[in-house]
C-alpha atoms as a PDB file:
ATOM      1  CA  UNK A   1      25.963-130.193  87.567  1.00  0.00           C
ATOM      2  CA  UNK A   2      28.940-128.065  86.964  1.00  0.00           C
ATOM      3  CA  UNK A   3      29.009-125.574  84.103  1.00  0.00           C
ATOM      4  CA  UNK A   4      32.006-127.278  82.577  1.00  0.00           C
ATOM      5  CA  UNK A   5      29.811-130.941  82.604  1.00  0.00           C
ATOM      6  CA  UNK A   6      27.415-129.328  80.322  1.00  0.00           C
ATOM      7  CA  UNK A   7      27.683-130.388  76.739  1.00  0.00           C
ATOM      8  CA  UNK A   8      27.743-127.331  74.215  1.00  0.00           C
ATOM      9  CA  UNK A   9      25.773-127.543  70.682  1.00  0.00           C
ATOM     10  CA  UNK A  10      25.896-125.302  68.097  1.00  0.00           C
ATOM     11  CA  UNK A  11      22.073-125.424  67.413  1.00  0.00           C
ATOM     12  CA  UNK A  12      19.341-126.511  70.100  1.00  0.00           C
ATOM     13  CA  UNK A  13      15.605-127.229  68.739  1.00  0.00           C
ATOM     14  CA  UNK A  14      12.850-127.263  71.147  1.00  0.00           C
ATOM     15  CA  UNK A  15       9.786-128.820  69.701  1.00  0.00           C
ATOM     16  CA  UNK A  16       9.892-131.414  66.729  1.00  0.00           C
ATOM     17  CA  UNK A  17       6.491-130.606  65.131  1.00  0.00           C
ATOM     18  CA  UNK A  18       6.421-130.192  61.204  1.00  0.00           C
ATOM     19  CA  UNK A  19       8.560-127.062  61.991  1.00  0.00           C
ATOM     20  CA  UNK A  20      11.310-128.635  64.039  1.00  0.00           C
ATOM     21  CA  UNK A  21      11.472-131.843  62.537  1.00  0.00           C
ATOM     22  CA  UNK A  22      11.597-130.642  59.114  1.00  0.00           C
ATOM     23  CA  UNK A  23      14.534-127.953  60.236  1.00  0.00           C
ATOM     24  CA  UNK A  24      16.656-130.767  61.801  1.00  0.00           C
ATOM     25  CA  UNK A  25      16.195-132.885  58.586  1.00  0.00           C
ATOM     26  CA  UNK A  26      17.423-130.126  56.159  1.00  0.00           C
ATOM     27  CA  UNK A  27      20.307-129.203  58.404  1.00  0.00           C
ATOM     28  CA  UNK A  28      23.785-129.745  57.209  1.00  0.00           C
ATOM     29  CA  UNK A  29      25.709-132.172  59.204  1.00  0.00           C
ATOM     30  CA  UNK A  30      28.774-129.956  59.839  1.00  0.00           C
ATOM     31  CA  UNK A  31      26.421-128.916  63.120  1.00  0.00           C
ATOM     32  CA  UNK A  32      26.146-130.459  66.352  1.00  0.00           C
ATOM     33  CA  UNK A  33      22.629-130.478  67.027  1.00  0.00           C
ATOM     34  CA  UNK A  34      20.227-131.324  70.231  1.00  0.00           C
ATOM     35  CA  UNK A  35      16.363-131.276  69.809  1.00  0.00           C
ATOM     36  CA  UNK A  36      13.755-131.751  72.413  1.00  0.00           C
ATOM     37  CA  UNK A  37      10.334-133.360  71.668  1.00  0.00           C
ATOM     38  CA  UNK A  38       7.338-134.180  74.075  1.00  0.00           C
ATOM     39  CA  UNK A  39       6.606-137.036  71.722  1.00  0.00           C
ATOM     40  CA  UNK A  40       8.334-140.420  71.296  1.00  0.00           C
ATOM     41  CA  UNK A  41       7.858-142.585  68.421  1.00  0.00           C
ATOM     42  CA  UNK A  42       5.151-144.792  70.149  1.00  0.00           C
ATOM     43  CA  UNK A  43       1.669-144.298  68.283  1.00  0.00           C
ATOM     44  CA  UNK A  44      -0.244-145.688  71.225  1.00  0.00           C
ATOM     45  CA  UNK A  45       1.087-143.707  74.419  1.00  0.00           C
ATOM     46  CA  UNK A  46       3.068-140.935  72.775  1.00  0.00           C
ATOM     47  CA  UNK A  47       1.702-136.993  73.302  1.00  0.00           C
ATOM     48  CA  UNK A  48      -0.321-136.276  70.296  1.00  0.00           C
ATOM     49  CA  UNK A  49      -0.671-132.675  68.926  1.00  0.00           C
ATOM     50  CA  UNK A  50      -4.849-132.247  68.728  1.00  0.00           C
ATOM     51  CA  UNK A  51      -5.082-131.157  65.230  1.00  0.00           C
ATOM     52  CA  UNK A  52      -8.073-131.692  62.481  1.00  0.00           C
ATOM     53  CA  UNK A  53      -5.424-133.083  60.085  1.00  0.00           C
ATOM     54  CA  UNK A  54      -5.752-131.528  57.027  1.00  0.00           C
ATOM     55  CA  UNK A  55      -3.088-131.047  54.725  1.00  0.00           C
ATOM     56  CA  UNK A  56      -3.513-127.165  52.912  1.00  0.00           C
ATOM     57  CA  UNK A  57      -2.422-126.881  49.003  1.00  0.00           C
ATOM     58  CA  UNK A  58       0.924-124.613  50.441  1.00  0.00           C
ATOM     59  CA  UNK A  59       2.065-127.653  52.524  1.00  0.00           C
ATOM     60  CA  UNK A  60       1.621-130.468  49.560  1.00  0.00           C
ATOM     61  CA  UNK A  61       3.658-128.073  47.222  1.00  0.00           C
ATOM     62  CA  UNK A  62       6.231-127.967  50.060  1.00  0.00           C
ATOM     63  CA  UNK A  63       6.435-131.715  50.375  1.00  0.00           C
ATOM     64  CA  UNK A  64       6.453-131.919  46.785  1.00  0.00           C
ATOM     65  CA  UNK A  65       9.474-129.518  46.287  1.00  0.00           C
ATOM     66  CA  UNK A  66      11.366-131.606  48.767  1.00  0.00           C
ATOM     67  CA  UNK A  67      10.926-134.694  47.268  1.00  0.00           C
ATOM     68  CA  UNK A  68       8.945-136.176  50.256  1.00  0.00           C
ATOM     69  CA  UNK A  69       6.386-138.243  49.467  1.00  0.00           C
ATOM     70  CA  UNK A  70       3.643-139.440  51.925  1.00  0.00           C
ATOM     71  CA  UNK A  71       3.248-142.951  52.925  1.00  0.00           C
ATOM     72  CA  UNK A  72       0.074-144.584  52.331  1.00  0.00           C
ATOM     73  CA  UNK A  73      -0.340-145.019  56.323  1.00  0.00           C
ATOM     74  CA  UNK A  74      -0.576-141.357  56.808  1.00  0.00           C
ATOM     75  CA  UNK A  75      -3.748-140.776  54.739  1.00  0.00           C
ATOM     76  CA  UNK A  76      -7.347-140.803  56.578  1.00  0.00           C
ATOM     77  CA  UNK A  77     -10.112-141.839  54.463  1.00  0.00           C
ATOM     78  CA  UNK A  78     -11.839-140.516  52.588  1.00  0.00           C
ATOM     79  CA  UNK A  79      -8.684-138.997  51.250  1.00  0.00           C
ATOM     80  CA  UNK A  80     -10.217-135.940  49.939  1.00  0.00           C
ATOM     81  CA  UNK A  81     -13.507-134.787  50.884  1.00  0.00           C
ATOM     82  CA  UNK A  82     -16.137-132.343  49.637  1.00  0.00           C
ATOM     83  CA  UNK A  83     -16.438-129.090  51.595  1.00  0.00           C
ATOM     84  CA  UNK A  84     -19.698-128.407  53.032  1.00  0.00           C
ATOM     85  CA  UNK A  85     -19.884-124.942  54.608  1.00  0.00           C
ATOM     86  CA  UNK A  86     -22.820-124.273  56.820  1.00  0.00           C
ATOM     87  CA  UNK A  87     -23.741-120.842  58.134  1.00  0.00           C
ATOM     88  CA  UNK A  88     -25.816-120.950  61.256  1.00  0.00           C
ATOM     89  CA  UNK A  89     -26.509-117.282  61.103  1.00  0.00           C
ATOM     90  CA  UNK A  90     -28.351-117.505  57.875  1.00  0.00           C
ATOM     91  CA  UNK A  91     -29.262-120.901  58.343  1.00  0.00           C
ATOM     92  CA  UNK A  92     -27.859-122.134  55.015  1.00  0.00           C
ATOM     93  CA  UNK A  93     -25.334-124.395  53.635  1.00  0.00           C
ATOM     94  CA  UNK A  94     -23.505-124.627  50.410  1.00  0.00           C
ATOM     95  CA  UNK A  95     -20.657-126.927  48.969  1.00  0.00           C
ATOM     96  CA  UNK A  96     -17.355-126.054  47.621  1.00  0.00           C
ATOM     97  CA  UNK A  97     -14.583-127.596  46.170  1.00  0.00           C
ATOM     98  CA  UNK A  98     -11.926-128.745  48.445  1.00  0.00           C
ATOM     99  CA  UNK A  99      -7.876-129.178  47.821  1.00  0.00           C
ATOM    100  CA  UNK A 100      -7.247-130.130  51.352  1.00  0.00           C
ATOM    101  CA  UNK A 101      -5.866-133.773  51.665  1.00  0.00           C
ATOM    102  CA  UNK A 102      -7.094-135.871  54.840  1.00  0.00           C
ATOM    103  CA  UNK A 103      -4.365-137.104  56.985  1.00  0.00           C
ATOM    104  CA  UNK A 104      -3.455-138.551  60.349  1.00  0.00           C
ATOM    105  CA  UNK A 105      -1.723-135.831  62.063  1.00  0.00           C
ATOM    106  CA  UNK A 106       0.386-137.560  64.770  1.00  0.00           C
ATOM    107  CA  UNK A 107       1.512-140.556  61.645  1.00  0.00           C
ATOM    108  CA  UNK A 108       2.580-137.357  59.699  1.00  0.00           C
ATOM    109  CA  UNK A 109       4.599-135.855  63.027  1.00  0.00           C
ATOM    110  CA  UNK A 110       6.418-139.390  63.479  1.00  0.00           C
ATOM    111  CA  UNK A 111       7.262-139.702  59.805  1.00  0.00           C
ATOM    112  CA  UNK A 112       8.685-136.326  59.366  1.00  0.00           C
ATOM    113  CA  UNK A 113      10.697-136.952  62.390  1.00  0.00           C
ATOM    114  CA  UNK A 114      11.892-140.066  60.956  1.00  0.00           C
ATOM    115  CA  UNK A 115      13.796-138.052  58.427  1.00  0.00           C
ATOM    116  CA  UNK A 116      16.046-136.435  60.879  1.00  0.00           C
ATOM    117  CA  UNK A 117      19.260-137.710  60.578  1.00  0.00           C
ATOM    118  CA  UNK A 118      21.477-139.429  63.149  1.00  0.00           C
ATOM    119  CA  UNK A 119      23.675-136.976  64.279  1.00  0.00           C
ATOM    120  CA  UNK A 120      20.892-135.394  65.804  1.00  0.00           C
ATOM    121  CA  UNK A 121      20.416-135.716  69.553  1.00  0.00           C
ATOM    122  CA  UNK A 122      16.904-136.377  69.933  1.00  0.00           C
ATOM    123  CA  UNK A 123      15.764-136.025  73.771  1.00  0.00           C
ATOM    124  CA  UNK A 124      12.144-137.775  73.485  1.00  0.00           C
ATOM    125  CA  UNK A 125       9.436-137.372  76.024  1.00  0.00           C
ATOM    126  CA  UNK A 126      11.013-134.050  77.625  1.00  0.00           C
ATOM    127  CA  UNK A 127       9.745-130.555  78.685  1.00  0.00           C
ATOM    128  CA  UNK A 128      11.555-127.636  78.398  1.00  0.00           C
ATOM    129  CA  UNK A 129      11.229-125.689  81.455  1.00  0.00           C
ATOM    130  CA  UNK A 130      13.338-122.600  81.537  1.00  0.00           C
ATOM    131  CA  UNK A 131      15.747-120.897  78.949  1.00  0.00           C
ATOM    132  CA  UNK A 132      17.765-117.743  79.382  1.00  0.00           C
ATOM    133  CA  UNK A 133      20.841-116.320  77.441  1.00  0.00           C
ATOM    134  CA  UNK A 134      24.425-115.833  79.233  1.00  0.00           C
ATOM    135  CA  UNK A 135      25.578-113.440  76.703  1.00  0.00           C
ATOM    136  CA  UNK A 136      27.282-116.289  74.821  1.00  0.00           C
ATOM    137  CA  UNK A 137      25.296-119.205  74.803  1.00  0.00           C
ATOM    138  CA  UNK A 138      21.390-120.170  75.571  1.00  0.00           C
ATOM    139  CA  UNK A 139      21.159-122.316  78.788  1.00  0.00           C
ATOM    140  CA  UNK A 140      18.276-124.747  78.300  1.00  0.00           C
ATOM    141  CA  UNK A 141      16.805-126.681  81.171  1.00  0.00           C
ATOM    142  CA  UNK A 142      14.726-129.712  80.679  1.00  0.00           C
ATOM    143  CA  UNK A 143      12.963-132.498  82.436  1.00  0.00           C
ATOM    144  CA  UNK A 144      13.144-135.749  80.843  1.00  0.00           C
ATOM    145  CA  UNK A 145      11.390-138.732  82.916  1.00  0.00           C
ATOM    146  CA  UNK A 146      11.202-136.840  85.941  1.00  0.00           C
ATOM    147  CA  UNK A 147      15.194-135.770  85.724  1.00  0.00           C
ATOM    148  CA  UNK A 148      16.241-132.495  85.462  1.00  0.00           C
ATOM    149  CA  UNK A 149      19.044-131.887  82.641  1.00  0.00           C
ATOM    150  CA  UNK A 150      20.771-128.732  81.146  1.00  0.00           C
ATOM    151  CA  UNK A 151      22.001-127.852  77.914  1.00  0.00           C
ATOM    152  CA  UNK A 152      23.920-125.089  76.582  1.00  0.00           C
ATOM    153  CA  UNK A 153      23.443-123.768  72.618  1.00  0.00           C
ATOM    154  CA  UNK A 154      24.820-121.323  70.482  1.00  0.00           C
ATOM    155  CA  UNK A 155      21.598-120.894  68.438  1.00  0.00           C
ATOM    156  CA  UNK A 156      18.498-121.589  69.541  1.00  0.00           C
ATOM    157  CA  UNK A 157      15.293-122.440  67.272  1.00  0.00           C
ATOM    158  CA  UNK A 158      11.855-122.349  69.041  1.00  0.00           C
ATOM    159  CA  UNK A 159       9.496-124.663  67.320  1.00  0.00           C
ATOM    160  CA  UNK A 160       7.333-125.382  70.006  1.00  0.00           C
ATOM    161  CA  UNK A 161       3.931-124.059  68.881  1.00  0.00           C
ATOM    162  CA  UNK A 162       1.330-121.896  70.092  1.00  0.00           C
ATOM    163  CA  UNK A 163       2.484-122.129  74.007  1.00  0.00           C
ATOM    164  CA  UNK A 164       6.350-121.515  73.163  1.00  0.00           C
ATOM    165  CA  UNK A 165       8.233-121.319  75.912  1.00  0.00           C
ATOM    166  CA  UNK A 166      11.385-119.752  73.694  1.00  0.00           C
ATOM    167  CA  UNK A 167       8.310-116.902  72.945  1.00  0.00           C
ATOM    168  CA  UNK A 168       7.334-116.765  76.365  1.00  0.00           C
ATOM    169  CA  UNK A 169      10.670-116.387  77.939  1.00  0.00           C
ATOM    170  CA  UNK A 170      12.523-114.313  75.322  1.00  0.00           C
ATOM    171  CA  UNK A 171      10.151-111.922  73.780  1.00  0.00           C
ATOM    172  CA  UNK A 172       7.523-111.965  76.646  1.00  0.00           C
ATOM    173  CA  UNK A 173       6.008-108.555  75.279  1.00  0.00           C
ATOM    174  CA  UNK A 174       5.322-110.235  71.901  1.00  0.00           C
ATOM    175  CA  UNK A 175       1.720-111.141  72.664  1.00  0.00           C
ATOM    176  CA  UNK A 176      -0.336-112.527  69.780  1.00  0.00           C
ATOM    177  CA  UNK A 177      -4.188-113.625  69.908  1.00  0.00           C
ATOM    178  CA  UNK A 178      -5.119-116.741  71.443  1.00  0.00           C
ATOM    179  CA  UNK A 179      -7.829-119.286  70.892  1.00  0.00           C
ATOM    180  CA  UNK A 180      -8.969-122.445  72.918  1.00  0.00           C
ATOM    181  CA  UNK A 181      -9.784-125.284  70.177  1.00  0.00           C
ATOM    182  CA  UNK A 182     -11.599-128.023  71.370  1.00  0.00           C
ATOM    183  CA  UNK A 183     -12.634-131.197  69.407  1.00  0.00           C
ATOM    184  CA  UNK A 184     -14.129-134.533  70.147  1.00  0.00           C
ATOM    185  CA  UNK A 185     -13.825-137.908  68.098  1.00  0.00           C
ATOM    186  CA  UNK A 186     -17.004-139.854  67.432  1.00  0.00           C
ATOM    187  CA  UNK A 187     -17.957-143.528  66.426  1.00  0.00           C
ATOM    188  CA  UNK A 188     -20.508-144.645  63.961  1.00  0.00           C
ATOM    189  CA  UNK A 189     -21.013-141.009  62.156  1.00  0.00           C
ATOM    190  CA  UNK A 190     -22.350-141.369  58.927  1.00  0.00           C
ATOM    191  CA  UNK A 191     -20.631-138.215  57.285  1.00  0.00           C
ATOM    192  CA  UNK A 192     -18.583-138.077  54.857  1.00  0.00           C
ATOM    193  CA  UNK A 193     -17.985-134.346  53.766  1.00  0.00           C
ATOM    194  CA  UNK A 194     -15.770-131.934  55.505  1.00  0.00           C
ATOM    195  CA  UNK A 195     -17.816-129.353  57.070  1.00  0.00           C
ATOM    196  CA  UNK A 196     -16.974-125.843  57.983  1.00  0.00           C
ATOM    197  CA  UNK A 197     -18.996-124.109  59.770  1.00  0.00           C
ATOM    198  CA  UNK A 198     -19.607-120.278  60.809  1.00  0.00           C
ATOM    199  CA  UNK A 199     -21.896-118.956  63.766  1.00  0.00           C
ATOM    200  CA  UNK A 200     -20.966-115.407  64.999  1.00  0.00           C
ATOM    201  CA  UNK A 201     -22.673-116.165  68.145  1.00  0.00           C
ATOM    202  CA  UNK A 202     -20.324-118.791  68.995  1.00  0.00           C
ATOM    203  CA  UNK A 203     -17.223-116.595  68.184  1.00  0.00           C
ATOM    204  CA  UNK A 204     -15.268-115.055  65.784  1.00  0.00           C
ATOM    205  CA  UNK A 205     -13.543-117.827  64.274  1.00  0.00           C
ATOM    206  CA  UNK A 206     -14.812-120.710  62.285  1.00  0.00           C
ATOM    207  CA  UNK A 207     -15.741-124.625  63.425  1.00  0.00           C
ATOM    208  CA  UNK A 208     -14.875-127.835  61.810  1.00  0.00           C
ATOM    209  CA  UNK A 209     -16.074-131.487  61.093  1.00  0.00           C
ATOM    210  CA  UNK A 210     -13.963-134.076  59.460  1.00  0.00           C
ATOM    211  CA  UNK A 211     -14.391-137.791  58.827  1.00  0.00           C
ATOM    212  CA  UNK A 212     -11.358-139.987  60.042  1.00  0.00           C
ATOM    213  CA  UNK A 213     -12.131-143.374  58.409  1.00  0.00           C
ATOM    214  CA  UNK A 214     -14.842-145.113  61.032  1.00  0.00           C
ATOM    215  CA  UNK A 215     -14.932-141.839  63.071  1.00  0.00           C
ATOM    216  CA  UNK A 216     -15.499-138.391  62.628  1.00  0.00           C
ATOM    217  CA  UNK A 217     -13.836-135.146  64.307  1.00  0.00           C
ATOM    218  CA  UNK A 218     -16.162-132.252  65.455  1.00  0.00           C
ATOM    219  CA  UNK A 219     -13.754-128.948  66.842  1.00  0.00           C
ATOM    220  CA  UNK A 220     -14.023-125.420  66.936  1.00  0.00           C
ATOM    221  CA  UNK A 221     -11.601-122.504  67.850  1.00  0.00           C
ATOM    222  CA  UNK A 222     -13.182-120.243  70.779  1.00  0.00           C
ATOM    223  CA  UNK A 223     -12.624-117.698  73.326  1.00  0.00           C
ATOM    224  CA  UNK A 224     -10.140-119.040  75.995  1.00  0.00           C
ATOM    225  CA  UNK A 225     -12.806-118.307  78.612  1.00  0.00           C
ATOM    226  CA  UNK A 226     -15.885-119.665  77.030  1.00  0.00           C
ATOM    227  CA  UNK A 227     -14.516-122.610  74.880  1.00  0.00           C
ATOM    228  CA  UNK A 228     -16.259-125.375  76.437  1.00  0.00           C
ATOM    229  CA  UNK A 229     -19.546-123.821  76.832  1.00  0.00           C
ATOM    230  CA  UNK A 230     -19.482-122.617  72.931  1.00  0.00           C
ATOM    231  CA  UNK A 231     -18.417-126.209  71.987  1.00  0.00           C
ATOM    232  CA  UNK A 232     -21.468-127.664  73.735  1.00  0.00           C
ATOM    233  CA  UNK A 233     -23.889-124.850  71.906  1.00  0.00           C
ATOM    234  CA  UNK A 234     -22.607-125.643  68.823  1.00  0.00           C
ATOM    235  CA  UNK A 235     -23.175-129.623  69.016  1.00  0.00           C
ATOM    236  CA  UNK A 236     -26.754-128.769  70.328  1.00  0.00           C
ATOM    237  CA  UNK A 237     -27.130-125.825  66.799  1.00  0.00           C
ATOM    238  CA  UNK A 238     -25.933-129.066  64.407  1.00  0.00           C
ATOM    239  CA  UNK A 239     -28.933-131.142  65.580  1.00  0.00           C
ATOM    240  CA  UNK A 240     -31.154-128.545  63.372  1.00  0.00           C
ATOM    241  CA  UNK A 241     -28.968-129.976  60.680  1.00  0.00           C
ATOM    242  CA  UNK A 242     -29.716-133.914  61.677  1.00  0.00           C
ATOM    243  CA  UNK A 243     -25.959-133.754  62.717  1.00  0.00           C
ATOM    244  CA  UNK A 244     -26.511-135.987  65.721  1.00  0.00           C
ATOM    245  CA  UNK A 245     -22.778-137.055  66.848  1.00  0.00           C
ATOM    246  CA  UNK A 246     -23.820-139.220  70.107  1.00  0.00           C
ATOM    247  CA  UNK A 247     -21.377-139.779  72.795  1.00  0.00           C
ATOM    248  CA  UNK A 248     -17.901-138.662  72.246  1.00  0.00           C
ATOM    249  CA  UNK A 249     -15.053-141.601  72.344  1.00  0.00           C
ATOM    250  CA  UNK A 250     -12.184-138.628  73.096  1.00  0.00           C
ATOM    251  CA  UNK A 251     -12.182-135.047  73.629  1.00  0.00           C
ATOM    252  CA  UNK A 252      -8.879-132.836  72.968  1.00  0.00           C
ATOM    253  CA  UNK A 253      -7.847-128.994  73.693  1.00  0.00           C
ATOM    254  CA  UNK A 254      -5.249-127.027  73.304  1.00  0.00           C
ATOM    255  CA  UNK A 255      -4.498-123.285  72.523  1.00  0.00           C
ATOM    256  CA  UNK A 256      -4.108-122.060  68.684  1.00  0.00           C
ATOM    257  CA  UNK A 257      -2.573-119.028  67.707  1.00  0.00           C
ATOM    258  CA  UNK A 258      -4.387-116.583  65.215  1.00  0.00           C
ATOM    259  CA  UNK A 259      -2.792-113.455  64.401  1.00  0.00           C
ATOM    260  CA  UNK A 260      -4.969-110.317  64.399  1.00  0.00           C
ATOM    261  CA  UNK A 261      -2.049-107.737  62.730  1.00  0.00           C
ATOM    262  CA  UNK A 262       1.479-108.181  60.943  1.00  0.00           C
ATOM    263  CA  UNK A 263       3.189-106.697  64.407  1.00  0.00           C
ATOM    264  CA  UNK A 264       2.350-109.608  65.902  1.00  0.00           C
ATOM    265  CA  UNK A 265       4.951-112.048  64.070  1.00  0.00           C
ATOM    266  CA  UNK A 266       7.915-112.884  66.005  1.00  0.00           C
ATOM    267  CA  UNK A 267      10.915-114.053  64.307  1.00  0.00           C
ATOM    268  CA  UNK A 268      13.409-113.876  67.276  1.00  0.00           C
ATOM    269  CA  UNK A 269      16.903-112.236  67.786  1.00  0.00           C
ATOM    270  CA  UNK A 270      20.389-112.645  69.216  1.00  0.00           C
ATOM    271  CA  UNK A 271      20.744-116.215  67.864  1.00  0.00           C
ATOM    272  CA  UNK A 272      17.610-117.354  68.750  1.00  0.00           C
ATOM    273  CA  UNK A 273      14.740-118.034  65.987  1.00  0.00           C
ATOM    274  CA  UNK A 274      10.908-118.826  65.928  1.00  0.00           C
ATOM    275  CA  UNK A 275       9.908-120.711  63.120  1.00  0.00           C
ATOM    276  CA  UNK A 276       6.315-122.244  62.434  1.00  0.00           C
ATOM    277  CA  UNK A 277       3.302-121.336  64.963  1.00  0.00           C
ATOM    278  CA  UNK A 278       5.980-120.298  67.915  1.00  0.00           C
ATOM    279  CA  UNK A 279       6.499-117.392  65.337  1.00  0.00           C
ATOM    280  CA  UNK A 280       2.900-116.529  64.652  1.00  0.00           C
ATOM    281  CA  UNK A 281       3.307-118.020  61.211  1.00  0.00           C
ATOM    282  CA  UNK A 282      -0.403-119.504  60.953  1.00  0.00           C
ATOM    283  CA  UNK A 283      -3.533-118.672  58.880  1.00  0.00           C
ATOM    284  CA  UNK A 284      -5.950-116.063  60.287  1.00  0.00           C
ATOM    285  CA  UNK A 285      -8.619-117.554  58.211  1.00  0.00           C
ATOM    286  CA  UNK A 286      -7.973-121.200  57.958  1.00  0.00           C
ATOM    287  CA  UNK A 287      -6.150-121.915  61.067  1.00  0.00           C
ATOM    288  CA  UNK A 288      -3.527-123.774  58.818  1.00  0.00           C
ATOM    289  CA  UNK A 289      -0.577-124.018  60.560  1.00  0.00           C
ATOM    290  CA  UNK A 290       1.783-127.062  58.564  1.00  0.00           C
ATOM    291  CA  UNK A 291       2.105-124.785  55.795  1.00  0.00           C
ATOM    292  CA  UNK A 292       4.144-122.582  57.144  1.00  0.00           C
ATOM    293  CA  UNK A 293       5.579-124.500  59.660  1.00  0.00           C
ATOM    294  CA  UNK A 294       7.633-126.125  56.562  1.00  0.00           C
ATOM    295  CA  UNK A 295       8.150-123.098  54.798  1.00  0.00           C
ATOM    296  CA  UNK A 296       9.765-121.146  57.501  1.00  0.00           C
ATOM    297  CA  UNK A 297      11.814-124.286  58.130  1.00  0.00           C
ATOM    298  CA  UNK A 298      12.946-124.566  55.062  1.00  0.00           C
ATOM    299  CA  UNK A 299      14.218-121.258  55.216  1.00  0.00           C
ATOM    300  CA  UNK A 300      15.730-120.899  58.036  1.00  0.00           C
ATOM    301  CA  UNK A 301      17.483-124.200  57.304  1.00  0.00           C
ATOM    302  CA  UNK A 302      18.841-122.775  53.937  1.00  0.00           C
ATOM    303  CA  UNK A 303      20.072-119.372  55.883  1.00  0.00           C
ATOM    304  CA  UNK A 304      22.081-121.794  58.320  1.00  0.00           C
ATOM    305  CA  UNK A 305      23.706-124.288  55.355  1.00  0.00           C
ATOM    306  CA  UNK A 306      24.555-121.337  53.091  1.00  0.00           C
ATOM    307  CA  UNK A 307      25.726-118.684  55.374  1.00  0.00           C
ATOM    308  CA  UNK A 308      28.470-118.282  57.800  1.00  0.00           C
ATOM    309  CA  UNK A 309      26.862-116.054  60.526  1.00  0.00           C
ATOM    310  CA  UNK A 310      23.016-115.978  60.807  1.00  0.00           C
ATOM    311  CA  UNK A 311      21.371-112.845  61.770  1.00  0.00           C
ATOM    312  CA  UNK A 312      18.135-112.032  63.127  1.00  0.00           C
ATOM    313  CA  UNK A 313      17.693-109.164  60.081  1.00  0.00           C
ATOM    314  CA  UNK A 314      18.673-112.239  57.735  1.00  0.00           C
ATOM    315  CA  UNK A 315      15.711-114.314  58.767  1.00  0.00           C
ATOM    316  CA  UNK A 316      13.358-111.557  59.340  1.00  0.00           C
ATOM    317  CA  UNK A 317      13.873-110.355  55.155  1.00  0.00           C
ATOM    318  CA  UNK A 318      13.648-114.393  54.022  1.00  0.00           C
ATOM    319  CA  UNK A 319      10.465-114.603  56.002  1.00  0.00           C
ATOM    320  CA  UNK A 320       8.832-111.502  54.194  1.00  0.00           C
ATOM    321  CA  UNK A 321       6.675-113.200  51.648  1.00  0.00           C
ATOM    322  CA  UNK A 322       5.354-115.566  54.638  1.00  0.00           C
ATOM    323  CA  UNK A 323       4.432-112.471  56.256  1.00  0.00           C
ATOM    324  CA  UNK A 324       2.966-110.607  53.429  1.00  0.00           C
ATOM    325  CA  UNK A 325       0.615-113.913  52.512  1.00  0.00           C
ATOM    326  CA  UNK A 326      -0.527-114.225  56.073  1.00  0.00           C
ATOM    327  CA  UNK A 327      -1.430-110.288  56.114  1.00  0.00           C
ATOM    328  CA  UNK A 328      -3.041-110.667  53.163  1.00  0.00           C
ATOM    329  CA  UNK A 329      -5.189-113.325  54.838  1.00  0.00           C
ATOM    330  CA  UNK A 330      -5.995-110.972  57.330  1.00  0.00           C
ATOM    331  CA  UNK A 331      -7.750-109.028  54.759  1.00  0.00           C
ATOM    332  CA  UNK A 332      -9.326-112.202  53.383  1.00  0.00           C
ATOM    333  CA  UNK A 333     -10.615-112.563  56.843  1.00  0.00           C
ATOM    334  CA  UNK A 334     -13.079-109.514  56.600  1.00  0.00           C
ATOM    335  CA  UNK A 335     -14.795-111.449  53.478  1.00  0.00           C
ATOM    336  CA  UNK A 336     -14.725-114.459  55.226  1.00  0.00           C
ATOM    337  CA  UNK A 337     -16.182-113.840  58.330  1.00  0.00           C
ATOM    338  CA  UNK A 338     -18.675-111.085  57.151  1.00  0.00           C
ATOM    339  CA  UNK A 339     -22.328-112.441  56.757  1.00  0.00           C
ATOM    340  CA  UNK A 340     -23.269-110.342  53.703  1.00  0.00           C
ATOM    341  CA  UNK A 341     -20.309-111.659  51.858  1.00  0.00           C
ATOM    342  CA  UNK A 342     -20.661-115.397  53.259  1.00  0.00           C
ATOM    343  CA  UNK A 343     -23.939-115.112  51.754  1.00  0.00           C
ATOM    344  CA  UNK A 344     -22.620-113.612  48.090  1.00  0.00           C
ATOM    345  CA  UNK A 345     -20.501-116.483  48.253  1.00  0.00           C
ATOM    346  CA  UNK A 346     -23.125-118.930  48.920  1.00  0.00           C
ATOM    347  CA  UNK A 347     -25.221-117.643  45.721  1.00  0.00           C
ATOM    348  CA  UNK A 348     -22.688-116.953  43.285  1.00  0.00           C
ATOM    349  CA  UNK A 349     -19.825-119.682  43.839  1.00  0.00           C
ATOM    350  CA  UNK A 350     -20.880-122.833  45.681  1.00  0.00           C
ATOM    351  CA  UNK A 351     -21.805-126.058  44.033  1.00  0.00           C
ATOM    352  CA  UNK A 352     -25.154-126.526  45.722  1.00  0.00           C
END
């Protein structure tokens, strides 16, 4: 393909998860926009992001702020669950209040994607394989239905999550702590609580159990090298609490980021911007990424819509409070993942 045959866009978006989809839906129509997405709109055959599917209070507030009301088919049952926290280190459990909403993550992603206006050129079932900057435009190589295409864009938006090719190609030195998230789906499990599990012998992160209608998800975030082994250890330990899950009907795994210090956040530069998890905007305590995906997408879309010349410095300033909130959650980690303080929480603040 000749360079003269490549269409030039104002903005190219890599990834249409919550961050990319909301950003694309909020952009002013004055921009020419192309967006690349692994998913299709088919609920049965499309790529699905492995996720527990809980909508945190901050995400709920952002949707309310934008006037976006969740359709009924996005909710999973039970819509709201009690939170049962199990500490396998001290062999005890307690109940806490829970304000998360139980959703079908894939339906949520498809719904947000449906809000993107028709002037945005969406390339479904596509994988970005290469990116480089020629000093004026970003050249984006994409494979779609086994055919390779190239696109040019003045601005580049990395919204492609934990394994972001934008971050890897453009900012290879900006490393961030990574974990292997493993989860399995089970049939006919009579559990109605959202379960949060701590065990320092399994790792320095937590595990989860979430009812989804007639199914139940058990998952956890572990070191990449030992993730699958540690997950099997988790299942064996839960039998002590009479949580016998049987044979899984589906197993999922993906890389999840967990920032360990504020210097791991990466907003971008030279007309390339990172939003959501690709920027490292994910809670180190709860692994909630949707809240910060929506917030960073909202912030960046406003900068584009109301500024004539967007700079990385503008975006750095505008995301200051996101980075501050996440930095404070790093401090929160000290208490949540400390056995002594968990014991205090269990004793004085639980609803056991």
